[in-house]
Structures are given as C-alpha cells and as structure tokens.
Amino acid sequence: MSDIRLALPDVGEDELAEVAEVLRSGNLTMGPKVAELEELGAAACGVEHAVAVSNGTAALHLAVLALGIGANPDGQPDEVI
C-alpha cells in the first residue's frame, strides 16, 4: 500500500451534516438536495438549467448527446472513435 496521498479532501462538520441529512432522508437520488445543487450549478455557470449526474461517464454521455453525435436522420448511429 502506498503512503502517497492522492487527495486532501476539504470536508468539515457542515459537509458531514449535509451528507448525514441526505442519508437519513433516504433521498439519495432525485431529492431536494439534487435540485438545489442543479440550481446552484446553473447560477454559477450563468445558464438557465443544469443537470447533476452520477459520474463522469454519464456526464460525457450527455455531452455527446447534446452535441448531436449519433443523431443521424437515416437512423444509423455515428461512429465515435
């Protein structure tokens, strides 16, 4: 096992309390905290809407769809290399 620290999370009591609140609520997905995060993210980016996703792969998938990659009128998918 390596002793090299890969990250130094900045998690304090406020963050731990928020996580505990979500866990106690049972709303791990699509709950009010997700909506709040999306609103804050949209405001921070100066856009009308934002979507929270579960991971980077889901984010990249949405980005590809938003760019129209794979949306051909002939029904054949684009080849992504």
Foldseek 3Di string as FASTA:
>chain_A
DDPDDPDDDDDDPVNVVVVVVCVVVVCPDPDPVQVVVFVVVCVVVVHDTGHDDDDDVVVVVVVCVVVVQQPDPVNGGHDDD
